[in-house]
Amino acid sequence: MGHMLKKSKRFEPVKQIAVNNETAAAVKMTQSAQAQDESVEQLEKLRSYRVDYVEEFKLKGQGGMSALRLQEYQAFVQKLDTAIEEQVLVVNRMRSKLGEDRQAFKKTTSRKKVVEKLIAKSKQQELKEEDKKQQNEADDRVVKGVQLDS
């Protein structure tokens, strides 16, 4: 009969899968964080551009302007407002995705820790069993030695 793999060794592939899953989740979480940061930065740029555009227009408009120019200005500001609203939705989606990815990462980390604890517990048990086996063998030698002396 072939030698059976120790329980702690049988869990190693499971641990490797848990480590790989944790790593993949960490990468995904990092990418989500970057995407969220970029979406926030884009929103800030749009808002800043809108403020600058309105200020510049106010300065230019002090001297008076045509109805067509005013209409173009209002249409452009409306487009900026729409872009800002859409970007707010993007930021919210990115924030939500980042939250989900953080949860997934925590879950994979927890699973990995459970597997590591299981392996450690198995190794402890194996050591106890090995010590007990060695103690029994030593006791048997002593008993046999006493029997040989008789």
N, C-alpha and C. Protein backbone atom coordinates (compact mmCIF):
# COMPACT_ATOMS: atom_id res chain seq x y z
N MET A 1 0.84 -1.18 0.00
CA MET A 1 0.00 0.00 0.00
C MET A 1 0.89 1.25 0.00
N GLY A 2 0.55 2.26 -0.85
CA GLY A 2 1.35 3.48 -0.96
C GLY A 2 1.22 4.34 0.29
N HIS A 3 2.25 5.11 0.57
CA HIS A 3 2.26 6.00 1.73
C HIS A 3 1.28 7.14 1.47
N MET A 4 0.35 7.35 2.38
CA MET A 4 -0.63 8.41 2.22
C MET A 4 -0.01 9.76 2.58
N LEU A 5 -0.35 10.77 1.80
CA LEU A 5 0.14 12.12 2.05
C LEU A 5 -0.40 12.63 3.38
N LYS A 6 0.44 13.33 4.12
CA LYS A 6 -0.01 13.90 5.39
C LYS A 6 -1.10 14.92 5.10
N LYS A 7 -2.01 15.06 6.05
CA LYS A 7 -3.13 15.97 5.91
C LYS A 7 -2.65 17.39 5.59
N SER A 8 -1.62 17.84 6.30
CA SER A 8 -1.10 19.20 6.08
C SER A 8 -0.61 19.37 4.64
N LYS A 9 -0.04 18.33 4.07
CA LYS A 9 0.47 18.39 2.69
C LYS A 9 -0.69 18.37 1.69
N ARG A 10 -1.75 17.65 2.04
CA ARG A 10 -2.91 17.59 1.14
C ARG A 10 -3.59 18.95 1.03
N PHE A 11 -3.44 19.79 2.06
CA PHE A 11 -4.06 21.12 2.04
C PHE A 11 -3.24 22.15 1.28
N GLU A 12 -2.00 21.82 0.96
CA GLU A 12 -1.13 22.80 0.27
C GLU A 12 -1.73 23.31 -1.05
N PRO A 13 -2.28 22.43 -1.91
CA PRO A 13 -2.88 22.95 -3.15
C PRO A 13 -4.06 23.89 -2.87
N VAL A 14 -4.81 23.57 -1.83
CA VAL A 14 -5.95 24.42 -1.45
C VAL A 14 -5.42 25.78 -1.00
N LYS A 15 -4.32 25.76 -0.25
CA LYS A 15 -3.70 27.02 0.20
C LYS A 15 -3.23 27.82 -1.00
N GLN A 16 -2.62 27.15 -1.97
CA GLN A 16 -2.10 27.86 -3.15
C GLN A 16 -3.24 28.52 -3.92
N ILE A 17 -4.35 27.83 -4.03
CA ILE A 17 -5.52 28.41 -4.70
C ILE A 17 -6.00 29.64 -3.92
N ALA A 18 -6.02 29.53 -2.59
CA ALA A 18 -6.46 30.65 -1.74
C ALA A 18 -5.51 31.85 -1.90
N VAL A 19 -4.22 31.57 -1.97
CA VAL A 19 -3.22 32.65 -2.16
C VAL A 19 -3.42 33.30 -3.53
N ASN A 20 -3.61 32.47 -4.55
CA ASN A 20 -3.83 33.00 -5.91
C ASN A 20 -5.09 33.85 -5.97
N ASN A 21 -6.15 33.38 -5.33
CA ASN A 21 -7.41 34.13 -5.30
C ASN A 21 -7.23 35.46 -4.58
N GLU A 22 -6.49 35.43 -3.48
CA GLU A 22 -6.25 36.66 -2.72
C GLU A 22 -5.46 37.66 -3.56
N THR A 23 -4.44 37.16 -4.25
CA THR A 23 -3.62 38.02 -5.11
C THR A 23 -4.46 38.64 -6.23
N ALA A 24 -5.29 37.81 -6.87
CA ALA A 24 -6.14 38.31 -7.94
C ALA A 24 -7.11 39.37 -7.41
N ALA A 25 -7.66 39.13 -6.23
CA ALA A 25 -8.60 40.09 -5.62
C ALA A 25 -7.88 41.40 -5.27
N ALA A 26 -6.64 41.29 -4.82
CA ALA A 26 -5.85 42.49 -4.48
C ALA A 26 -5.58 43.32 -5.73
N VAL A 27 -5.25 42.65 -6.82
CA VAL A 27 -4.99 43.35 -8.09
C VAL A 27 -6.27 44.05 -8.56
N LYS A 28 -7.38 43.33 -8.50
CA LYS A 28 -8.67 43.90 -8.93
C LYS A 28 -9.03 45.11 -8.07
N MET A 29 -8.81 44.99 -6.76
CA MET A 29 -9.12 46.08 -5.85
C MET A 29 -8.24 47.31 -6.16
N THR A 30 -6.98 47.07 -6.43
CA THR A 30 -6.05 48.16 -6.77
C THR A 30 -6.48 48.85 -8.07
N GLN A 31 -6.87 48.05 -9.05
CA GLN A 31 -7.32 48.63 -10.32
C GLN A 31 -8.60 49.45 -10.11
N SER A 32 -9.49 48.96 -9.27
CA SER A 32 -10.73 49.70 -8.98
C SER A 32 -10.42 51.01 -8.27
N ALA A 33 -9.46 50.98 -7.35
CA ALA A 33 -9.07 52.19 -6.63
C ALA A 33 -8.51 53.22 -7.61
N GLN A 34 -7.69 52.75 -8.55
CA GLN A 34 -7.10 53.66 -9.55
C GLN A 34 -8.20 54.24 -10.45
N ALA A 35 -9.13 53.37 -10.86
CA ALA A 35 -10.22 53.83 -11.73
C ALA A 35 -11.08 54.85 -10.99
N GLN A 36 -11.32 54.60 -9.71
CA GLN A 36 -12.12 55.55 -8.93
C GLN A 36 -11.38 56.88 -8.81
N ASP A 37 -10.09 56.83 -8.50
CA ASP A 37 -9.29 58.06 -8.39
C ASP A 37 -9.33 58.85 -9.70
N GLU A 38 -9.20 58.13 -10.82
CA GLU A 38 -9.22 58.79 -12.13
C GLU A 38 -10.59 59.41 -12.40
N SER A 39 -11.66 58.72 -12.01
CA SER A 39 -13.00 59.26 -12.25
C SER A 39 -13.25 60.51 -11.41
N VAL A 40 -12.75 60.50 -10.18
CA VAL A 40 -12.88 61.67 -9.31
C VAL A 40 -12.07 62.84 -9.89
N GLU A 41 -10.87 62.54 -10.35
CA GLU A 41 -10.02 63.57 -10.95
C GLU A 41 -10.70 64.18 -12.17
N GLN A 42 -11.30 63.34 -12.99
CA GLN A 42 -12.01 63.82 -14.19
C GLN A 42 -13.18 64.71 -13.79
N LEU A 43 -13.90 64.33 -12.75
CA LEU A 43 -15.02 65.13 -12.26
C LEU A 43 -14.52 66.50 -11.78
N GLU A 44 -13.43 66.49 -11.03
CA GLU A 44 -12.87 67.75 -10.53
C GLU A 44 -12.44 68.66 -11.69
N LYS A 45 -11.86 68.06 -12.73
CA LYS A 45 -11.45 68.84 -13.90
C LYS A 45 -12.66 69.48 -14.58
N LEU A 46 -13.71 68.70 -14.75
CA LEU A 46 -14.93 69.22 -15.38
C LEU A 46 -15.52 70.38 -14.56
N ARG A 47 -15.60 70.19 -13.27
CA ARG A 47 -16.15 71.24 -12.40
C ARG A 47 -15.28 72.51 -12.45
N SER A 48 -13.98 72.30 -12.40
CA SER A 48 -13.04 73.42 -12.43
C SER A 48 -13.15 74.15 -13.77
N TYR A 49 -13.24 73.38 -14.85
CA TYR A 49 -13.36 73.98 -16.18
C TYR A 49 -14.64 74.80 -16.28
N ARG A 50 -15.73 74.28 -15.72
CA ARG A 50 -17.01 74.99 -15.76
C ARG A 50 -16.89 76.32 -15.01
N VAL A 51 -16.29 76.29 -13.81
CA VAL A 51 -16.12 77.52 -13.03
C VAL A 51 -15.28 78.53 -13.82
N ASP A 52 -14.18 78.07 -14.39
CA ASP A 52 -13.31 78.96 -15.17
C ASP A 52 -14.05 79.55 -16.38
N TYR A 53 -14.80 78.69 -17.07
CA TYR A 53 -15.53 79.12 -18.26
C TYR A 53 -16.57 80.18 -17.90
N VAL A 54 -17.32 79.94 -16.82
CA VAL A 54 -18.34 80.90 -16.38
C VAL A 54 -17.69 82.23 -16.00
N GLU A 55 -16.58 82.17 -15.28
CA GLU A 55 -15.87 83.40 -14.88
C GLU A 55 -15.39 84.17 -16.11
N GLU A 56 -14.80 83.46 -17.05
CA GLU A 56 -14.28 84.09 -18.26
C GLU A 56 -15.43 84.72 -19.05
N PHE A 57 -16.53 84.02 -19.11
CA PHE A 57 -17.67 84.52 -19.86
C PHE A 57 -18.26 85.78 -19.21
N LYS A 58 -18.28 85.77 -17.86
CA LYS A 58 -18.79 86.96 -17.14
C LYS A 58 -17.94 88.18 -17.48
N LEU A 59 -16.62 87.99 -17.52
CA LEU A 59 -15.72 89.10 -17.84
C LEU A 59 -15.96 89.60 -19.26
N LYS A 60 -16.06 88.65 -20.19
CA LYS A 60 -16.28 89.02 -21.59
C LYS A 60 -17.66 89.63 -21.78
N GLY A 61 -18.62 89.17 -20.99
CA GLY A 61 -20.00 89.61 -21.15
C GLY A 61 -20.29 90.98 -20.57
N GLN A 62 -19.37 91.51 -19.78
CA GLN A 62 -19.60 92.83 -19.17
C GLN A 62 -19.73 93.92 -20.22
N GLY A 63 -19.09 93.70 -21.34
CA GLY A 63 -19.16 94.69 -22.41
C GLY A 63 -20.37 94.48 -23.30
N GLY A 64 -21.20 93.53 -22.97
CA GLY A 64 -22.38 93.22 -23.78
C GLY A 64 -22.06 92.17 -24.83
N MET A 65 -23.09 91.45 -25.27
CA MET A 65 -22.87 90.41 -26.27
C MET A 65 -24.14 90.16 -27.05
N SER A 66 -23.96 89.49 -28.16
CA SER A 66 -25.10 89.20 -29.02
C SER A 66 -25.94 88.08 -28.41
N ALA A 67 -27.19 88.02 -28.85
CA ALA A 67 -28.10 86.97 -28.38
C ALA A 67 -27.56 85.59 -28.80
N LEU A 68 -26.98 85.53 -29.99
CA LEU A 68 -26.43 84.26 -30.48
C LEU A 68 -25.27 83.80 -29.59
N ARG A 69 -24.41 84.73 -29.24
CA ARG A 69 -23.27 84.39 -28.37
C ARG A 69 -23.77 83.91 -27.00
N LEU A 70 -24.79 84.57 -26.45
CA LEU A 70 -25.37 84.18 -25.17
C LEU A 70 -25.99 82.78 -25.26
N GLN A 71 -26.66 82.51 -26.38
CA GLN A 71 -27.29 81.21 -26.59
C GLN A 71 -26.22 80.10 -26.67
N GLU A 72 -25.13 80.38 -27.38
CA GLU A 72 -24.03 79.41 -27.49
C GLU A 72 -23.42 79.14 -26.12
N TYR A 73 -23.25 80.21 -25.36
CA TYR A 73 -22.69 80.08 -24.00
C TYR A 73 -23.60 79.19 -23.14
N GLN A 74 -24.90 79.47 -23.16
CA GLN A 74 -25.84 78.69 -22.35
C GLN A 74 -25.86 77.22 -22.77
N ALA A 75 -25.79 76.98 -24.07
CA ALA A 75 -25.78 75.61 -24.59
C ALA A 75 -24.51 74.88 -24.14
N PHE A 76 -23.38 75.60 -24.18
CA PHE A 76 -22.12 74.98 -23.77
C PHE A 76 -22.12 74.67 -22.27
N VAL A 77 -22.60 75.61 -21.46
CA VAL A 77 -22.67 75.38 -20.01
C VAL A 77 -23.60 74.20 -19.72
N GLN A 78 -24.70 74.11 -20.47
CA GLN A 78 -25.62 72.97 -20.30
C GLN A 78 -24.92 71.65 -20.61
N LYS A 79 -24.12 71.65 -21.67
CA LYS A 79 -23.35 70.44 -22.02
C LYS A 79 -22.36 70.10 -20.90
N LEU A 80 -21.73 71.11 -20.36
CA LEU A 80 -20.80 70.87 -19.24
C LEU A 80 -21.54 70.30 -18.03
N ASP A 81 -22.72 70.87 -17.74
CA ASP A 81 -23.52 70.38 -16.61
C ASP A 81 -23.91 68.92 -16.81
N THR A 82 -24.29 68.58 -18.04
CA THR A 82 -24.65 67.20 -18.35
C THR A 82 -23.44 66.28 -18.18
N ALA A 83 -22.29 66.73 -18.68
CA ALA A 83 -21.06 65.94 -18.54
C ALA A 83 -20.72 65.75 -17.06
N ILE A 84 -20.92 66.78 -16.26
CA ILE A 84 -20.63 66.70 -14.82
C ILE A 84 -21.58 65.70 -14.15
N GLU A 85 -22.87 65.77 -14.50
CA GLU A 85 -23.86 64.83 -13.95
C GLU A 85 -23.49 63.38 -14.30
N GLU A 86 -23.11 63.18 -15.56
CA GLU A 86 -22.72 61.83 -15.99
C GLU A 86 -21.47 61.36 -15.26
N GLN A 87 -20.53 62.28 -15.05
CA GLN A 87 -19.29 61.92 -14.37
C GLN A 87 -19.56 61.60 -12.89
N VAL A 88 -20.53 62.29 -12.29
CA VAL A 88 -20.91 61.97 -10.90
C VAL A 88 -21.42 60.53 -10.84
N LEU A 89 -22.19 60.12 -11.84
CA LEU A 89 -22.68 58.73 -11.89
C LEU A 89 -21.51 57.75 -12.03
N VAL A 90 -20.53 58.11 -12.86
CA VAL A 90 -19.34 57.26 -13.04
C VAL A 90 -18.60 57.14 -11.71
N VAL A 91 -18.41 58.27 -11.03
CA VAL A 91 -17.72 58.26 -9.73
C VAL A 91 -18.46 57.35 -8.75
N ASN A 92 -19.78 57.46 -8.71
CA ASN A 92 -20.57 56.62 -7.79
C ASN A 92 -20.44 55.14 -8.14
N ARG A 93 -20.46 54.83 -9.45
CA ARG A 93 -20.29 53.43 -9.87
C ARG A 93 -18.91 52.92 -9.46
N MET A 94 -17.88 53.74 -9.68
CA MET A 94 -16.51 53.34 -9.33
C MET A 94 -16.37 53.14 -7.82
N ARG A 95 -17.00 54.02 -7.05
CA ARG A 95 -16.95 53.91 -5.59
C ARG A 95 -17.61 52.61 -5.14
N SER A 96 -18.74 52.31 -5.75
CA SER A 96 -19.48 51.09 -5.43
C SER A 96 -18.65 49.85 -5.81
N LYS A 97 -18.07 49.88 -7.00
CA LYS A 97 -17.24 48.75 -7.45
C LYS A 97 -16.04 48.56 -6.53
N LEU A 98 -15.43 49.67 -6.12
CA LEU A 98 -14.29 49.57 -5.21
C LEU A 98 -14.73 48.93 -3.89
N GLY A 99 -15.89 49.32 -3.40
CA GLY A 99 -16.42 48.72 -2.16
C GLY A 99 -16.62 47.22 -2.32
N GLU A 100 -17.19 46.82 -3.45
CA GLU A 100 -17.40 45.38 -3.72
C GLU A 100 -16.05 44.65 -3.80
N ASP A 101 -15.10 45.26 -4.48
CA ASP A 101 -13.79 44.62 -4.63
C ASP A 101 -13.05 44.53 -3.30
N ARG A 102 -13.23 45.53 -2.43
CA ARG A 102 -12.64 45.47 -1.09
C ARG A 102 -13.23 44.30 -0.31
N GLN A 103 -14.55 44.16 -0.39
CA GLN A 103 -15.23 43.05 0.30
C GLN A 103 -14.72 41.71 -0.22
N ALA A 104 -14.60 41.60 -1.54
CA ALA A 104 -14.11 40.35 -2.15
C ALA A 104 -12.69 40.05 -1.67
N PHE A 105 -11.86 41.10 -1.57
CA PHE A 105 -10.49 40.91 -1.10
C PHE A 105 -10.49 40.43 0.35
N LYS A 106 -11.31 41.06 1.20
CA LYS A 106 -11.39 40.64 2.60
C LYS A 106 -11.82 39.18 2.71
N LYS A 107 -12.77 38.80 1.87
CA LYS A 107 -13.28 37.43 1.87
C LYS A 107 -12.16 36.44 1.49
N THR A 108 -11.40 36.78 0.44
CA THR A 108 -10.32 35.87 0.01
C THR A 108 -9.23 35.80 1.07
N THR A 109 -8.97 36.91 1.74
CA THR A 109 -7.97 36.92 2.81
C THR A 109 -8.43 36.04 3.97
N SER A 110 -9.70 36.14 4.31
CA SER A 110 -10.25 35.31 5.39
C SER A 110 -10.15 33.83 5.04
N ARG A 111 -10.51 33.51 3.80
CA ARG A 111 -10.44 32.10 3.37
C ARG A 111 -9.02 31.57 3.45
N LYS A 112 -8.07 32.41 3.02
CA LYS A 112 -6.66 31.99 3.05
C LYS A 112 -6.23 31.73 4.50
N LYS A 113 -6.64 32.62 5.41
CA LYS A 113 -6.28 32.46 6.82
C LYS A 113 -6.88 31.18 7.40
N VAL A 114 -8.11 30.86 7.01
CA VAL A 114 -8.75 29.63 7.49
C VAL A 114 -7.93 28.41 7.03
N VAL A 115 -7.53 28.41 5.77
CA VAL A 115 -6.74 27.30 5.24
C VAL A 115 -5.39 27.21 5.96
N GLU A 116 -4.76 28.37 6.19
CA GLU A 116 -3.47 28.38 6.88
C GLU A 116 -3.61 27.84 8.31
N LYS A 117 -4.69 28.22 8.99
CA LYS A 117 -4.92 27.71 10.36
C LYS A 117 -5.15 26.20 10.33
N LEU A 118 -5.90 25.75 9.32
CA LEU A 118 -6.17 24.31 9.18
C LEU A 118 -4.86 23.55 8.97
N ILE A 119 -3.99 24.09 8.14
CA ILE A 119 -2.70 23.45 7.88
C ILE A 119 -1.86 23.44 9.17
N ALA A 120 -1.81 24.56 9.87
CA ALA A 120 -1.04 24.64 11.11
C ALA A 120 -1.56 23.64 12.14
N LYS A 121 -2.88 23.55 12.25
CA LYS A 121 -3.49 22.61 13.19
C LYS A 121 -3.16 21.17 12.79
N SER A 122 -3.21 20.88 11.50
CA SER A 122 -2.88 19.54 11.01
C SER A 122 -1.41 19.21 11.30
N LYS A 123 -0.54 20.19 11.11
CA LYS A 123 0.89 19.96 11.37
C LYS A 123 1.12 19.68 12.86
N GLN A 124 0.42 20.44 13.72
CA GLN A 124 0.53 20.19 15.16
C GLN A 124 0.08 18.78 15.50
N GLN A 125 -1.05 18.38 14.93
CA GLN A 125 -1.58 17.03 15.17
C GLN A 125 -0.60 15.98 14.69
N GLU A 126 -0.02 16.21 13.52
CA GLU A 126 0.95 15.26 12.96
C GLU A 126 2.18 15.15 13.86
N LEU A 127 2.64 16.28 14.41
CA LEU A 127 3.78 16.26 15.33
C LEU A 127 3.45 15.47 16.59
N LYS A 128 2.25 15.70 17.12
CA LYS A 128 1.83 14.95 18.32
C LYS A 128 1.81 13.46 18.04
N GLU A 129 1.23 13.10 16.87
CA GLU A 129 1.16 11.68 16.50
C GLU A 129 2.56 11.10 16.31
N GLU A 130 3.46 11.87 15.71
CA GLU A 130 4.83 11.41 15.49
C GLU A 130 5.55 11.23 16.84
N ASP A 131 5.37 12.19 17.75
CA ASP A 131 5.97 12.08 19.08
C ASP A 131 5.45 10.85 19.80
N LYS A 132 4.15 10.63 19.72
CA LYS A 132 3.51 9.48 20.38
C LYS A 132 4.06 8.18 19.79
N LYS A 133 4.20 8.14 18.46
CA LYS A 133 4.73 6.96 17.78
C LYS A 133 6.16 6.68 18.24
N GLN A 134 6.97 7.75 18.29
CA GLN A 134 8.36 7.58 18.73
C GLN A 134 8.43 7.14 20.19
N GLN A 135 7.55 7.69 21.02
CA GLN A 135 7.51 7.31 22.43
C GLN A 135 7.14 5.83 22.57
N ASN A 136 6.14 5.40 21.78
CA ASN A 136 5.73 3.99 21.81
C ASN A 136 6.86 3.07 21.36
N GLU A 137 7.57 3.50 20.31
CA GLU A 137 8.70 2.69 19.82
C GLU A 137 9.79 2.61 20.88
N ALA A 138 10.05 3.75 21.55
CA ALA A 138 11.06 3.76 22.61
C ALA A 138 10.62 2.86 23.76
N ASP A 139 9.33 2.94 24.13
CA ASP A 139 8.79 2.08 25.19
C ASP A 139 8.92 0.62 24.80
N ASP A 140 8.61 0.31 23.53
CA ASP A 140 8.72 -1.07 23.05
C ASP A 140 10.15 -1.56 23.15
N ARG A 141 11.12 -0.70 22.81
CA ARG A 141 12.53 -1.10 22.89
C ARG A 141 12.93 -1.39 24.34
N VAL A 142 12.43 -0.52 25.24
CA VAL A 142 12.73 -0.71 26.66
C VAL A 142 12.13 -2.04 27.13
N VAL A 143 10.87 -2.26 26.77
CA VAL A 143 10.19 -3.50 27.17
C VAL A 143 10.94 -4.70 26.60
N LYS A 144 11.30 -4.64 25.33
CA LYS A 144 12.03 -5.76 24.70
C LYS A 144 13.40 -5.94 25.37
N GLY A 145 14.02 -4.80 25.69
CA GLY A 145 15.33 -4.87 26.36
C GLY A 145 15.20 -5.53 27.72
N VAL A 146 14.14 -5.21 28.44
CA VAL A 146 13.91 -5.83 29.76
C VAL A 146 13.64 -7.31 29.56
N GLN A 147 12.89 -7.67 28.54
CA GLN A 147 12.58 -9.09 28.28
C GLN A 147 13.85 -9.86 27.89
N LEU A 148 14.75 -9.20 27.16
CA LEU A 148 15.98 -9.86 26.77
C LEU A 148 16.89 -10.10 27.98
N ASP A 149 16.85 -9.16 28.96
CA ASP A 149 17.66 -9.29 30.14
C ASP A 149 17.18 -10.42 31.04
N SER A 150 15.91 -10.79 30.99
CA SER A 150 15.37 -11.80 31.89
C SER A 150 15.83 -13.17 31.56
